[in-house]
Amino acid sequence: MKTNSSDIKEKLQKYNEEISYYIRPSTFPLAIKMVTSLDGSDPKIKRPRKQLNLNFFLCQAIGIARRQGWSILLDKEDISCPSALFYLGLAQPPSSYWKGKFVFAPFNQTEEARARRSHSFPFFPFNKYKGILIAPLLKADFEPDSILVYGNPAQMMRFVQASVFKRGSALKFSAQGGGSCSFEVVRPILRNQVTLVLPGNGERIFGLTQDDEMVFIIPNKKIEEMITFLRETHQGGQRFPVPAYGQFTPQLPPDYMRLLKTVRKGK
């Protein structure tokens, strides 16, 4: 039976409710979809180049979507970050890129290290997709490839706890301190694996990501499982906010103790 957009929207709103209850993120969880054709007929979807006369970094568009609640469709002409274009398969890197000839921060890194770094990022095949659609989970009416949720380390801990609940084995992830959008968008979809990402400098400068924020990504086929295990770990005592233990008698300074004794004696 074919699923229509209203059924999908209802399902995603339910996911949003569950994530909001168990994680309580301060910004909107996002639905991400890589698209093979571009449809600009929906006026509710922002097209930066056509409607705003702007070009965005991918991390910038993600930041705007999760903070302002916009749905944004980006194609090659909308994205001004060459690295993001390469990761998404919307452009091909020149051979000099693979050789470490282009200098990115840290500017004092060797060409050999930059070359190894360039090869370490996940990339979609060139020309497989035409663009990327980003929308708040509560608004999305399309089947997402993945869901992104930003939060503080304690909130990310809850996702990790849910991820390891069934098998007990540690969650493994990679970090470069940069190229965040590759690890946030490309890798989870290619590997069909949940992952925790440490956002880099670029995302914090241009993507509105705060110092205390990390991001957890759930590919489509893992969403139901993640919601189930968030619920079960919550029932098992792993919760956010983490309950603070307050059942103790505070130790008071000597003068406070003398005053307390005086009060208790009624003098």
C-alpha atoms as a PDB file:
ATOM      1  CA  MET A   1       0.000   0.000   0.000  1.00  0.00           C
ATOM      2  CA  LYS A   2       1.376   3.386  -0.981  1.00  0.00           C
ATOM      3  CA  THR A   3       1.990   5.835   1.846  1.00  0.00           C
ATOM      4  CA  ASN A   4       0.768   9.369   1.182  1.00  0.00           C
ATOM      5  CA  SER A   5       2.269  12.606   2.461  1.00  0.00           C
ATOM      6  CA  SER A   6      -0.306  13.018   5.234  1.00  0.00           C
ATOM      7  CA  ASP A   7       0.561   9.562   6.620  1.00  0.00           C
ATOM      8  CA  ILE A   8       4.267  10.404   6.473  1.00  0.00           C
ATOM      9  CA  LYS A   9       3.699  13.764   8.150  1.00  0.00           C
ATOM     10  CA  GLU A  10       1.709  12.158  10.956  1.00  0.00           C
ATOM     11  CA  LYS A  11       4.452   9.582  11.495  1.00  0.00           C
ATOM     12  CA  LEU A  12       7.198  12.218  11.588  1.00  0.00           C
ATOM     13  CA  GLN A  13       5.213  14.372  13.999  1.00  0.00           C
ATOM     14  CA  LYS A  14       4.991  11.363  16.296  1.00  0.00           C
ATOM     15  CA  TYR A  15       8.760  10.913  16.073  1.00  0.00           C
ATOM     16  CA  ASN A  16       9.171  14.599  16.885  1.00  0.00           C
ATOM     17  CA  GLU A  17       6.940  14.247  19.954  1.00  0.00           C
ATOM     18  CA  GLU A  18       8.910  11.265  21.214  1.00  0.00           C
ATOM     19  CA  ILE A  19      12.296  12.946  20.680  1.00  0.00           C
ATOM     20  CA  SER A  20      11.023  16.129  22.323  1.00  0.00           C
ATOM     21  CA  TYR A  21       9.834  14.139  25.347  1.00  0.00           C
ATOM     22  CA  TYR A  22      12.952  12.010  25.869  1.00  0.00           C
ATOM     23  CA  ILE A  23      15.675  14.422  24.663  1.00  0.00           C
ATOM     24  CA  ARG A  24      14.132  17.924  25.009  1.00  0.00           C
ATOM     25  CA  PRO A  25      16.311  19.605  22.353  1.00  0.00           C
ATOM     26  CA  SER A  26      16.341  23.404  22.314  1.00  0.00           C
ATOM     27  CA  THR A  27      16.159  23.551  18.499  1.00  0.00           C
ATOM     28  CA  PHE A  28      13.983  21.690  15.990  1.00  0.00           C
ATOM     29  CA  PRO A  29      14.988  18.115  15.082  1.00  0.00           C
ATOM     30  CA  LEU A  30      15.497  18.037  11.315  1.00  0.00           C
ATOM     31  CA  ALA A  31      14.465  15.720   8.502  1.00  0.00           C
ATOM     32  CA  ILE A  32      17.097  15.403   5.757  1.00  0.00           C
ATOM     33  CA  LYS A  33      16.480  14.074   2.249  1.00  0.00           C
ATOM     34  CA  MET A  34      18.822  13.861  -0.703  1.00  0.00           C
ATOM     35  CA  VAL A  35      16.799  14.566  -3.853  1.00  0.00           C
ATOM     36  CA  THR A  36      17.285  13.390  -7.421  1.00  0.00           C
ATOM     37  CA  SER A  37      15.029  16.076  -8.925  1.00  0.00           C
ATOM     38  CA  LEU A  38      14.297  19.672  -7.990  1.00  0.00           C
ATOM     39  CA  ASP A  39      10.742  20.802  -7.434  1.00  0.00           C
ATOM     40  CA  GLY A  40      10.395  24.461  -6.522  1.00  0.00           C
ATOM     41  CA  SER A  41       6.615  24.540  -6.676  1.00  0.00           C
ATOM     42  CA  ASP A  42       6.046  24.490  -2.895  1.00  0.00           C
ATOM     43  CA  PRO A  43       6.175  28.127  -1.707  1.00  0.00           C
ATOM     44  CA  LYS A  44       6.813  26.969   1.878  1.00  0.00           C
ATOM     45  CA  ILE A  45      10.227  25.618   0.870  1.00  0.00           C
ATOM     46  CA  LYS A  46      12.918  28.288   0.740  1.00  0.00           C
ATOM     47  CA  ARG A  47      15.268  28.424  -2.250  1.00  0.00           C
ATOM     48  CA  PRO A  48      18.135  30.688  -1.122  1.00  0.00           C
ATOM     49  CA  ARG A  49      19.384  31.753  -4.542  1.00  0.00           C
ATOM     50  CA  LYS A  50      16.002  32.317  -6.175  1.00  0.00           C
ATOM     51  CA  GLN A  51      14.020  33.756  -3.268  1.00  0.00           C
ATOM     52  CA  LEU A  52      16.656  35.447  -1.096  1.00  0.00           C
ATOM     53  CA  ASN A  53      19.435  36.159  -3.597  1.00  0.00           C
ATOM     54  CA  LEU A  54      21.813  34.436  -1.205  1.00  0.00           C
ATOM     55  CA  ASN A  55      24.154  31.467  -1.213  1.00  0.00           C
ATOM     56  CA  PHE A  56      24.410  29.356   1.933  1.00  0.00           C
ATOM     57  CA  PHE A  57      26.935  26.993   3.422  1.00  0.00           C
ATOM     58  CA  LEU A  58      25.242  23.645   4.047  1.00  0.00           C
ATOM     59  CA  CYS A  59      25.879  23.942   7.798  1.00  0.00           C
ATOM     60  CA  GLN A  60      24.406  27.453   7.658  1.00  0.00           C
ATOM     61  CA  ALA A  61      21.197  26.171   6.069  1.00  0.00           C
ATOM     62  CA  ILE A  62      20.973  23.436   8.699  1.00  0.00           C
ATOM     63  CA  GLY A  63      21.436  26.043  11.436  1.00  0.00           C
ATOM     64  CA  ILE A  64      18.720  28.285  10.012  1.00  0.00           C
ATOM     65  CA  ALA A  65      16.298  25.385   9.564  1.00  0.00           C
ATOM     66  CA  ARG A  66      16.658  24.122  13.122  1.00  0.00           C
ATOM     67  CA  ARG A  67      16.525  27.563  14.721  1.00  0.00           C
ATOM     68  CA  GLN A  68      14.006  29.397  12.536  1.00  0.00           C
ATOM     69  CA  GLY A  69      11.845  26.469  11.481  1.00  0.00           C
ATOM     70  CA  TRP A  70      12.408  26.941   7.743  1.00  0.00           C
ATOM     71  CA  SER A  71      12.236  24.209   5.138  1.00  0.00           C
ATOM     72  CA  ILE A  72      15.130  24.725   2.708  1.00  0.00           C
ATOM     73  CA  LEU A  73      15.999  23.125  -0.623  1.00  0.00           C
ATOM     74  CA  LEU A  74      19.588  23.518  -1.795  1.00  0.00           C
ATOM     75  CA  ASP A  75      21.036  22.689  -5.172  1.00  0.00           C
ATOM     76  CA  LYS A  76      24.494  23.333  -6.585  1.00  0.00           C
ATOM     77  CA  GLU A  77      23.755  27.025  -7.189  1.00  0.00           C
ATOM     78  CA  ASP A  78      22.524  27.588  -3.627  1.00  0.00           C
ATOM     79  CA  ILE A  79      25.628  26.247  -1.867  1.00  0.00           C
ATOM     80  CA  SER A  80      28.714  28.442  -1.554  1.00  0.00           C
ATOM     81  CA  CYS A  81      30.903  25.958   0.331  1.00  0.00           C
ATOM     82  CA  PRO A  82      33.012  23.922  -2.127  1.00  0.00           C
ATOM     83  CA  SER A  83      33.655  21.190   0.437  1.00  0.00           C
ATOM     84  CA  ALA A  84      29.913  20.644   0.900  1.00  0.00           C
ATOM     85  CA  LEU A  85      29.453  20.470  -2.883  1.00  0.00           C
ATOM     86  CA  PHE A  86      32.094  17.741  -3.030  1.00  0.00           C
ATOM     87  CA  TYR A  87      30.658  15.758  -0.091  1.00  0.00           C
ATOM     88  CA  LEU A  88      27.140  15.842  -1.571  1.00  0.00           C
ATOM     89  CA  GLY A  89      28.382  14.776  -5.008  1.00  0.00           C
ATOM     90  CA  LEU A  90      27.171  18.004  -6.609  1.00  0.00           C
ATOM     91  CA  ALA A  91      30.663  18.866  -7.883  1.00  0.00           C
ATOM     92  CA  GLN A  92      33.904  16.994  -8.462  1.00  0.00           C
ATOM     93  CA  PRO A  93      37.050  17.979  -6.557  1.00  0.00           C
ATOM     94  CA  PRO A  94      40.069  18.802  -8.729  1.00  0.00           C
ATOM     95  CA  SER A  95      43.064  16.504  -8.478  1.00  0.00           C
ATOM     96  CA  SER A  96      44.932  19.183  -6.519  1.00  0.00           C
ATOM     97  CA  TYR A  97      42.289  18.904  -3.792  1.00  0.00           C
ATOM     98  CA  TRP A  98      43.126  15.227  -3.277  1.00  0.00           C
ATOM     99  CA  LYS A  99      46.812  16.110  -3.141  1.00  0.00           C
ATOM    100  CA  GLY A 100      46.332  18.602  -0.305  1.00  0.00           C
ATOM    101  CA  LYS A 101      47.142  21.678  -2.370  1.00  0.00           C
ATOM    102  CA  PHE A 102      44.235  23.754  -1.045  1.00  0.00           C
ATOM    103  CA  VAL A 103      44.950  25.257   2.345  1.00  0.00           C
ATOM    104  CA  PHE A 104      42.220  24.933   4.959  1.00  0.00           C
ATOM    105  CA  ALA A 105      42.512  25.604   8.660  1.00  0.00           C
ATOM    106  CA  PRO A 106      44.820  24.680  10.294  1.00  0.00           C
ATOM    107  CA  PHE A 107      46.849  26.702   7.785  1.00  0.00           C
ATOM    108  CA  ASN A 108      50.146  25.241   8.995  1.00  0.00           C
ATOM    109  CA  GLN A 109      49.218  21.622   8.221  1.00  0.00           C
ATOM    110  CA  THR A 110      51.404  19.770   5.722  1.00  0.00           C
ATOM    111  CA  GLU A 111      50.162  18.899   2.238  1.00  0.00           C
ATOM    112  CA  GLU A 112      50.523  15.211   3.049  1.00  0.00           C
ATOM    113  CA  ALA A 113      48.291  15.537   6.127  1.00  0.00           C
ATOM    114  CA  ARG A 114      45.746  17.624   4.190  1.00  0.00           C
ATOM    115  CA  ALA A 115      45.653  14.988   1.462  1.00  0.00           C
ATOM    116  CA  ARG A 116      45.003  12.204   3.977  1.00  0.00           C
ATOM    117  CA  ARG A 117      42.371  14.364   5.630  1.00  0.00           C
ATOM    118  CA  SER A 118      40.609  14.993   2.300  1.00  0.00           C
ATOM    119  CA  HIS A 119      40.426  11.269   1.623  1.00  0.00           C
ATOM    120  CA  SER A 120      39.038  10.553   5.103  1.00  0.00           C
ATOM    121  CA  PHE A 121      35.675  12.252   4.520  1.00  0.00           C
ATOM    122  CA  PRO A 122      32.629  10.383   3.185  1.00  0.00           C
ATOM    123  CA  PHE A 123      31.382  11.488  -0.270  1.00  0.00           C
ATOM    124  CA  PHE A 124      28.235  10.715  -2.224  1.00  0.00           C
ATOM    125  CA  PRO A 125      28.884   9.554  -5.808  1.00  0.00           C
ATOM    126  CA  PHE A 126      29.168  12.428  -8.249  1.00  0.00           C
ATOM    127  CA  ASN A 127      25.841  13.376  -9.888  1.00  0.00           C
ATOM    128  CA  LYS A 128      23.806  10.840  -7.911  1.00  0.00           C
ATOM    129  CA  TYR A 129      21.761  13.656  -6.392  1.00  0.00           C
ATOM    130  CA  LYS A 130      20.600  17.097  -7.511  1.00  0.00           C
ATOM    131  CA  GLY A 131      20.229  18.663  -4.086  1.00  0.00           C
ATOM    132  CA  ILE A 132      19.339  18.346  -0.435  1.00  0.00           C
ATOM    133  CA  LEU A 133      16.030  19.076   1.318  1.00  0.00           C
ATOM    134  CA  ILE A 134      16.123  20.140   4.970  1.00  0.00           C
ATOM    135  CA  ALA A 135      12.991  20.612   7.080  1.00  0.00           C
ATOM    136  CA  PRO A 136      11.946  20.631  10.730  1.00  0.00           C
ATOM    137  CA  LEU A 137      10.755  17.142  11.595  1.00  0.00           C
ATOM    138  CA  LEU A 138       7.401  18.453  12.810  1.00  0.00           C
ATOM    139  CA  LYS A 139       6.732  20.076   9.396  1.00  0.00           C
ATOM    140  CA  ALA A 140       8.173  17.499   7.005  1.00  0.00           C
ATOM    141  CA  ASP A 141       5.782  15.608   4.713  1.00  0.00           C
ATOM    142  CA  PHE A 142       8.436  13.525   2.935  1.00  0.00           C
ATOM    143  CA  GLU A 143      10.199  10.290   3.855  1.00  0.00           C
ATOM    144  CA  PRO A 144      13.568  11.457   5.210  1.00  0.00           C
ATOM    145  CA  ASP A 145      16.902   9.777   4.619  1.00  0.00           C
ATOM    146  CA  SER A 146      17.933  10.725   8.145  1.00  0.00           C
ATOM    147  CA  ILE A 147      17.050  12.802  11.196  1.00  0.00           C
ATOM    148  CA  LEU A 148      19.465  15.259  12.810  1.00  0.00           C
ATOM    149  CA  VAL A 149      19.131  16.325  16.438  1.00  0.00           C
ATOM    150  CA  TYR A 150      21.394  18.925  18.064  1.00  0.00           C
ATOM    151  CA  GLY A 151      21.920  19.103  21.793  1.00  0.00           C
ATOM    152  CA  ASN A 152      24.316  19.276  24.702  1.00  0.00           C
ATOM    153  CA  PRO A 153      26.534  16.324  25.742  1.00  0.00           C
ATOM    154  CA  ALA A 154      23.986  15.031  28.277  1.00  0.00           C
ATOM    155  CA  GLN A 155      21.302  14.906  25.574  1.00  0.00           C
ATOM    156  CA  MET A 156      23.703  13.170  23.197  1.00  0.00           C
ATOM    157  CA  MET A 157      24.458  10.691  25.988  1.00  0.00           C
ATOM    158  CA  ARG A 158      20.819   9.617  25.916  1.00  0.00           C
ATOM    159  CA  PHE A 159      21.034   8.810  22.213  1.00  0.00           C
ATOM    160  CA  VAL A 160      24.227   6.844  22.792  1.00  0.00           C
ATOM    161  CA  GLN A 161      22.608   4.922  25.648  1.00  0.00           C
ATOM    162  CA  ALA A 162      19.680   4.038  23.391  1.00  0.00           C
ATOM    163  CA  SER A 163      22.073   3.032  20.595  1.00  0.00           C
ATOM    164  CA  VAL A 164      23.948   0.512  22.750  1.00  0.00           C
ATOM    165  CA  PHE A 165      20.907  -0.735  24.711  1.00  0.00           C
ATOM    166  CA  LYS A 166      20.197  -3.887  22.711  1.00  0.00           C
ATOM    167  CA  ARG A 167      23.702  -5.267  22.198  1.00  0.00           C
ATOM    168  CA  GLY A 168      25.747  -3.427  24.820  1.00  0.00           C
ATOM    169  CA  SER A 169      28.662  -2.783  22.442  1.00  0.00           C
ATOM    170  CA  ALA A 170      30.167   0.708  22.273  1.00  0.00           C
ATOM    171  CA  LEU A 171      29.084   3.211  19.646  1.00  0.00           C
ATOM    172  CA  LYS A 172      31.984   4.129  17.367  1.00  0.00           C
ATOM    173  CA  PHE A 173      32.250   7.339  15.386  1.00  0.00           C
ATOM    174  CA  SER A 174      34.873   9.436  13.602  1.00  0.00           C
ATOM    175  CA  ALA A 175      35.786  13.075  14.091  1.00  0.00           C
ATOM    176  CA  GLN A 176      38.068  15.481  12.239  1.00  0.00           C
ATOM    177  CA  GLY A 177      37.120  18.716  13.993  1.00  0.00           C
ATOM    178  CA  GLY A 178      35.965  19.889  10.572  1.00  0.00           C
ATOM    179  CA  GLY A 179      34.003  18.783   7.537  1.00  0.00           C
ATOM    180  CA  SER A 180      31.045  18.256   9.849  1.00  0.00           C
ATOM    181  CA  CYS A 181      28.415  18.161   7.110  1.00  0.00           C
ATOM    182  CA  SER A 182      30.091  15.110   5.555  1.00  0.00           C
ATOM    183  CA  PHE A 183      29.775  13.151   8.795  1.00  0.00           C
ATOM    184  CA  GLU A 184      26.292  14.551   9.529  1.00  0.00           C
ATOM    185  CA  VAL A 185      24.684  14.048   6.112  1.00  0.00           C
ATOM    186  CA  VAL A 186      26.719  11.620   4.013  1.00  0.00           C
ATOM    187  CA  ARG A 187      28.123   8.959   6.321  1.00  0.00           C
ATOM    188  CA  PRO A 188      24.913   7.950   8.168  1.00  0.00           C
ATOM    189  CA  ILE A 189      23.067   7.515   4.865  1.00  0.00           C
ATOM    190  CA  LEU A 190      25.872   5.613   3.135  1.00  0.00           C
ATOM    191  CA  ARG A 191      26.447   3.268   6.079  1.00  0.00           C
ATOM    192  CA  ASN A 192      22.907   3.162   7.453  1.00  0.00           C
ATOM    193  CA  GLN A 193      24.359   3.771  10.911  1.00  0.00           C
ATOM    194  CA  VAL A 194      23.554   6.154  13.720  1.00  0.00           C
ATOM    195  CA  THR A 195      26.417   8.463  14.568  1.00  0.00           C
ATOM    196  CA  LEU A 196      27.486  11.198  16.933  1.00  0.00           C
ATOM    197  CA  VAL A 197      29.237  14.195  15.366  1.00  0.00           C
ATOM    198  CA  LEU A 198      31.511  16.778  16.927  1.00  0.00           C
ATOM    199  CA  PRO A 199      30.869  19.949  14.871  1.00  0.00           C
ATOM    200  CA  GLY A 200      33.977  21.726  13.606  1.00  0.00           C
ATOM    201  CA  ASN A 201      35.086  25.345  13.345  1.00  0.00           C
ATOM    202  CA  GLY A 202      33.220  26.097  10.123  1.00  0.00           C
ATOM    203  CA  GLU A 203      29.894  24.924  11.473  1.00  0.00           C
ATOM    204  CA  ARG A 204      30.395  26.922  14.662  1.00  0.00           C
ATOM    205  CA  ILE A 205      31.379  30.046  12.715  1.00  0.00           C
ATOM    206  CA  PHE A 206      28.783  29.897   9.935  1.00  0.00           C
ATOM    207  CA  GLY A 207      26.255  27.282  11.050  1.00  0.00           C
ATOM    208  CA  LEU A 208      25.109  28.978  14.272  1.00  0.00           C
ATOM    209  CA  THR A 209      26.277  25.968  16.307  1.00  0.00           C
ATOM    210  CA  GLN A 210      27.064  26.829  19.925  1.00  0.00           C
ATOM    211  CA  ASP A 211      30.086  25.751  21.983  1.00  0.00           C
ATOM    212  CA  ASP A 212      28.081  23.217  24.005  1.00  0.00           C
ATOM    213  CA  GLU A 213      26.337  21.579  21.036  1.00  0.00           C
ATOM    214  CA  MET A 214      26.886  18.245  19.337  1.00  0.00           C
ATOM    215  CA  VAL A 215      24.662  16.451  16.838  1.00  0.00           C
ATOM    216  CA  PHE A 216      23.238  12.940  16.649  1.00  0.00           C
ATOM    217  CA  ILE A 217      22.104  11.505  13.322  1.00  0.00           C
ATOM    218  CA  ILE A 218      19.641   8.657  12.834  1.00  0.00           C
ATOM    219  CA  PRO A 219      19.246   7.127   9.342  1.00  0.00           C
ATOM    220  CA  ASN A 220      15.712   6.347   8.215  1.00  0.00           C
ATOM    221  CA  LYS A 221      15.804   2.595   8.828  1.00  0.00           C
ATOM    222  CA  LYS A 222      17.012   3.111  12.416  1.00  0.00           C
ATOM    223  CA  ILE A 223      14.413   5.659  13.542  1.00  0.00           C
ATOM    224  CA  GLU A 224      11.778   3.258  14.892  1.00  0.00           C
ATOM    225  CA  GLU A 225      14.452   1.310  16.739  1.00  0.00           C
ATOM    226  CA  MET A 226      15.935   4.475  18.227  1.00  0.00           C
ATOM    227  CA  ILE A 227      12.555   5.700  19.488  1.00  0.00           C
ATOM    228  CA  THR A 228      11.877   2.281  21.025  1.00  0.00           C
ATOM    229  CA  PHE A 229      15.223   2.176  22.804  1.00  0.00           C
ATOM    230  CA  LEU A 230      14.930   5.770  24.015  1.00  0.00           C
ATOM    231  CA  ARG A 231      11.658   4.714  25.610  1.00  0.00           C
ATOM    232  CA  GLU A 232      13.084   1.534  27.115  1.00  0.00           C
ATOM    233  CA  THR A 233      16.232   3.149  28.520  1.00  0.00           C
ATOM    234  CA  HIS A 234      14.057   5.904  29.990  1.00  0.00           C
ATOM    235  CA  GLN A 235      11.962   3.236  31.704  1.00  0.00           C
ATOM    236  CA  GLY A 236      15.220   1.632  32.881  1.00  0.00           C
ATOM    237  CA  GLY A 237      16.348   4.793  34.676  1.00  0.00           C
ATOM    238  CA  GLN A 238      18.489   6.580  32.060  1.00  0.00           C
ATOM    239  CA  ARG A 239      16.836   9.959  31.640  1.00  0.00           C
ATOM    240  CA  PHE A 240      17.241  13.550  30.587  1.00  0.00           C
ATOM    241  CA  PRO A 241      17.358  15.840  32.439  1.00  0.00           C
ATOM    242  CA  VAL A 242      19.545  13.590  34.544  1.00  0.00           C
ATOM    243  CA  PRO A 243      17.903  13.456  37.998  1.00  0.00           C
ATOM    244  CA  ALA A 244      20.068  15.215  40.574  1.00  0.00           C
ATOM    245  CA  TYR A 245      20.347  13.526  43.952  1.00  0.00           C
ATOM    246  CA  GLY A 246      19.149  15.986  46.581  1.00  0.00           C
ATOM    247  CA  GLN A 247      18.219  13.723  49.495  1.00  0.00           C
ATOM    248  CA  PHE A 248      20.845  14.698  52.050  1.00  0.00           C
ATOM    249  CA  THR A 249      21.310  17.086  54.972  1.00  0.00           C
ATOM    250  CA  PRO A 250      23.599  19.968  53.926  1.00  0.00           C
ATOM    251  CA  GLN A 251      26.660  20.672  56.050  1.00  0.00           C
ATOM    252  CA  LEU A 252      26.377  24.231  57.326  1.00  0.00           C
ATOM    253  CA  PRO A 253      29.099  26.684  58.436  1.00  0.00           C
ATOM    254  CA  PRO A 254      29.593  26.817  62.253  1.00  0.00           C
ATOM    255  CA  ASP A 255      27.662  30.084  62.750  1.00  0.00           C
ATOM    256  CA  TYR A 256      24.714  28.722  60.781  1.00  0.00           C
ATOM    257  CA  MET A 257      24.769  25.587  62.951  1.00  0.00           C
ATOM    258  CA  ARG A 258      24.773  27.648  66.141  1.00  0.00           C
ATOM    259  CA  LEU A 259      21.889  29.712  64.787  1.00  0.00           C
ATOM    260  CA  LEU A 260      19.980  26.571  63.852  1.00  0.00           C
ATOM    261  CA  LYS A 261      20.476  25.123  67.348  1.00  0.00           C
ATOM    262  CA  THR A 262      19.255  28.385  68.862  1.00  0.00           C
ATOM    263  CA  VAL A 263      16.134  28.344  66.685  1.00  0.00           C
ATOM    264  CA  ARG A 264      15.394  24.747  67.560  1.00  0.00           C
ATOM    265  CA  LYS A 265      15.709  25.506  71.290  1.00  0.00           C
ATOM    266  CA  GLY A 266      13.318  28.397  70.863  1.00  0.00           C
ATOM    267  CA  LYS A 267      15.722  30.986  72.335  1.00  0.00           C
END
